C-alpha atoms as a PDB file:
ATOM      1  CA  UNK A   1     -35.333 -23.074   6.963  1.00  0.00           C
ATOM      2  CA  UNK A   2     -31.396 -22.496   7.594  1.00  0.00           C
ATOM      3  CA  UNK A   3     -30.472 -21.929  11.028  1.00  0.00           C
ATOM      4  CA  UNK A   4     -27.337 -19.563  10.750  1.00  0.00           C
ATOM      5  CA  UNK A   5     -24.492 -19.909  13.027  1.00  0.00           C
ATOM      6  CA  UNK A   6     -23.767 -17.680  15.735  1.00  0.00           C
ATOM      7  CA  UNK A   7     -21.141 -16.354  18.437  1.00  0.00           C
ATOM      8  CA  UNK A   8     -22.269 -17.916  22.018  1.00  0.00           C
ATOM      9  CA  UNK A   9     -22.282 -15.475  24.554  1.00  0.00           C
ATOM     10  CA  UNK A  10     -18.913 -16.186  26.119  1.00  0.00           C
ATOM     11  CA  UNK A  11     -15.659 -14.029  26.958  1.00  0.00           C
ATOM     12  CA  UNK A  12     -15.243 -11.779  24.468  1.00  0.00           C
ATOM     13  CA  UNK A  13     -12.054 -10.171  26.669  1.00  0.00           C
ATOM     14  CA  UNK A  14      -8.777 -11.839  28.228  1.00  0.00           C
ATOM     15  CA  UNK A  15      -7.394 -10.978  31.383  1.00  0.00           C
ATOM     16  CA  UNK A  16      -5.248  -8.320  30.179  1.00  0.00           C
ATOM     17  CA  UNK A  17      -1.406  -8.030  30.760  1.00  0.00           C
ATOM     18  CA  UNK A  18      -1.662  -4.728  31.785  1.00  0.00           C
ATOM     19  CA  UNK A  19      -4.189  -1.923  33.697  1.00  0.00           C
ATOM     20  CA  UNK A  20      -3.125   0.135  29.822  1.00  0.00           C
ATOM     21  CA  UNK A  21      -5.461   0.100  26.852  1.00  0.00           C
ATOM     22  CA  UNK A  22      -3.663   0.263  23.867  1.00  0.00           C
ATOM     23  CA  UNK A  23      -5.185   3.822  23.287  1.00  0.00           C
ATOM     24  CA  UNK A  24      -3.824   4.840  26.162  1.00  0.00           C
ATOM     25  CA  UNK A  25      -0.451   2.873  25.880  1.00  0.00           C
ATOM     26  CA  UNK A  26       0.117   5.026  22.597  1.00  0.00           C
ATOM     27  CA  UNK A  27      -0.926   8.481  24.008  1.00  0.00           C
ATOM     28  CA  UNK A  28       1.577   8.046  26.968  1.00  0.00           C
ATOM     29  CA  UNK A  29       3.911   7.085  24.453  1.00  0.00           C
ATOM     30  CA  UNK A  30       3.259  10.374  21.721  1.00  0.00           C
ATOM     31  CA  UNK A  31       5.748  11.920  23.598  1.00  0.00           C
ATOM     32  CA  UNK A  32       8.491   9.790  22.814  1.00  0.00           C
ATOM     33  CA  UNK A  33       7.715   9.183  18.893  1.00  0.00           C
ATOM     34  CA  UNK A  34       8.850  11.176  16.588  1.00  0.00           C
ATOM     35  CA  UNK A  35       5.967  10.854  13.615  1.00  0.00           C
ATOM     36  CA  UNK A  36       2.716  12.863  13.350  1.00  0.00           C
ATOM     37  CA  UNK A  37       0.806   9.809  14.258  1.00  0.00           C
ATOM     38  CA  UNK A  38      -0.278   8.760  17.203  1.00  0.00           C
ATOM     39  CA  UNK A  39      -2.404   5.915  16.092  1.00  0.00           C
ATOM     40  CA  UNK A  40      -0.242   4.124  13.969  1.00  0.00           C
ATOM     41  CA  UNK A  41      -0.971   0.441  13.277  1.00  0.00           C
ATOM     42  CA  UNK A  42       1.797  -1.617  14.075  1.00  0.00           C
ATOM     43  CA  UNK A  43       2.735  -5.155  13.602  1.00  0.00           C
ATOM     44  CA  UNK A  44       2.626  -6.808  17.115  1.00  0.00           C
ATOM     45  CA  UNK A  45      -0.144  -3.840  19.253  1.00  0.00           C
ATOM     46  CA  UNK A  46      -1.876  -6.613  21.822  1.00  0.00           C
ATOM     47  CA  UNK A  47      -6.034  -5.622  22.347  1.00  0.00           C
ATOM     48  CA  UNK A  48      -7.682  -6.761  25.373  1.00  0.00           C
ATOM     49  CA  UNK A  49     -11.156  -6.904  23.215  1.00  0.00           C
ATOM     50  CA  UNK A  50     -12.588  -6.541  19.660  1.00  0.00           C
ATOM     51  CA  UNK A  51     -14.069  -3.724  20.580  1.00  0.00           C
ATOM     52  CA  UNK A  52     -10.490  -2.211  22.076  1.00  0.00           C
ATOM     53  CA  UNK A  53      -9.504  -2.782  19.139  1.00  0.00           C
ATOM     54  CA  UNK A  54     -12.469  -1.273  16.872  1.00  0.00           C
ATOM     55  CA  UNK A  55     -12.154   1.939  19.413  1.00  0.00           C
ATOM     56  CA  UNK A  56      -8.051   2.031  18.221  1.00  0.00           C
ATOM     57  CA  UNK A  57      -8.689   1.347  14.002  1.00  0.00           C
ATOM     58  CA  UNK A  58     -11.524   3.939  13.681  1.00  0.00           C
ATOM     59  CA  UNK A  59      -9.241   6.700  15.511  1.00  0.00           C
ATOM     60  CA  UNK A  60      -6.387   5.948  12.649  1.00  0.00           C
ATOM     61  CA  UNK A  61      -8.957   5.823  10.463  1.00  0.00           C
ATOM     62  CA  UNK A  62     -10.523   9.370  11.448  1.00  0.00           C
ATOM     63  CA  UNK A  63      -6.811  10.747  11.032  1.00  0.00           C
ATOM     64  CA  UNK A  64      -6.737   9.438   7.346  1.00  0.00           C
ATOM     65  CA  UNK A  65     -10.191  10.303   6.149  1.00  0.00           C
ATOM     66  CA  UNK A  66     -12.074   6.636   6.153  1.00  0.00           C
ATOM     67  CA  UNK A  67     -13.710   4.570   7.901  1.00  0.00           C
ATOM     68  CA  UNK A  68     -14.098   1.315   8.997  1.00  0.00           C
ATOM     69  CA  UNK A  69     -16.356  -1.556   9.365  1.00  0.00           C
ATOM     70  CA  UNK A  70     -17.352  -4.952  10.891  1.00  0.00           C
ATOM     71  CA  UNK A  71     -16.555  -7.488   8.446  1.00  0.00           C
ATOM     72  CA  UNK A  72     -16.555 -11.557   8.685  1.00  0.00           C
ATOM     73  CA  UNK A  73     -16.373 -13.705  11.649  1.00  0.00           C
ATOM     74  CA  UNK A  74     -15.594 -16.930  12.452  1.00  0.00           C
ATOM     75  CA  UNK A  75     -16.693 -19.446  15.231  1.00  0.00           C
ATOM     76  CA  UNK A  76     -14.754 -22.401  16.511  1.00  0.00           C
ATOM     77  CA  UNK A  77     -17.233 -26.015  17.520  1.00  0.00           C
ATOM     78  CA  UNK A  78     -18.238 -24.460  20.959  1.00  0.00           C
ATOM     79  CA  UNK A  79     -19.409 -21.156  19.457  1.00  0.00           C
ATOM     80  CA  UNK A  80     -16.770 -18.904  20.437  1.00  0.00           C
ATOM     81  CA  UNK A  81     -15.441 -16.318  18.377  1.00  0.00           C
ATOM     82  CA  UNK A  82     -12.489 -17.025  16.933  1.00  0.00           C
ATOM     83  CA  UNK A  83     -11.680 -14.220  14.161  1.00  0.00           C
ATOM     84  CA  UNK A  84     -13.226 -10.771  13.513  1.00  0.00           C
ATOM     85  CA  UNK A  85     -12.438  -8.261  11.237  1.00  0.00           C
ATOM     86  CA  UNK A  86     -12.693  -4.941  10.260  1.00  0.00           C
ATOM     87  CA  UNK A  87     -13.011  -4.016   7.137  1.00  0.00           C
ATOM     88  CA  UNK A  88     -11.734  -0.175   5.497  1.00  0.00           C
ATOM     89  CA  UNK A  89     -14.425   1.562   4.066  1.00  0.00           C
ATOM     90  CA  UNK A  90     -13.577   4.221   1.557  1.00  0.00           C
ATOM     91  CA  UNK A  91     -14.940   5.767  -1.830  1.00  0.00           C
ATOM     92  CA  UNK A  92     -13.149   4.035  -4.384  1.00  0.00           C
END
C-alpha cells in the first residue's frame, strides 16, 4: 500500500505586513483606478494565505465568467506547503 505525502498542519499564513488584505486594498484603490475591473491580477500582489489568494482569484473569475479550482501543491521535507496552484476551470 502506497503512502501519499500530505502537508503537515503548519503555518498556512505569514505574519501580515499590514492589517489590510489584498481584497481590501483593491476595494480602497477602486476610486483611483480608471479601469472597470476591480480584481484584476497584477504582478507583485501579495497574499497572506492560500485562502486569501483563492478568494481574490475567485472574485476575478466571477467578473469574467469562469471558475477556478485547486490544482497541484508541493511540500518540502518538513512537509510544509511550498507551492499551491490555482487553476482556471473554463469550458473549451
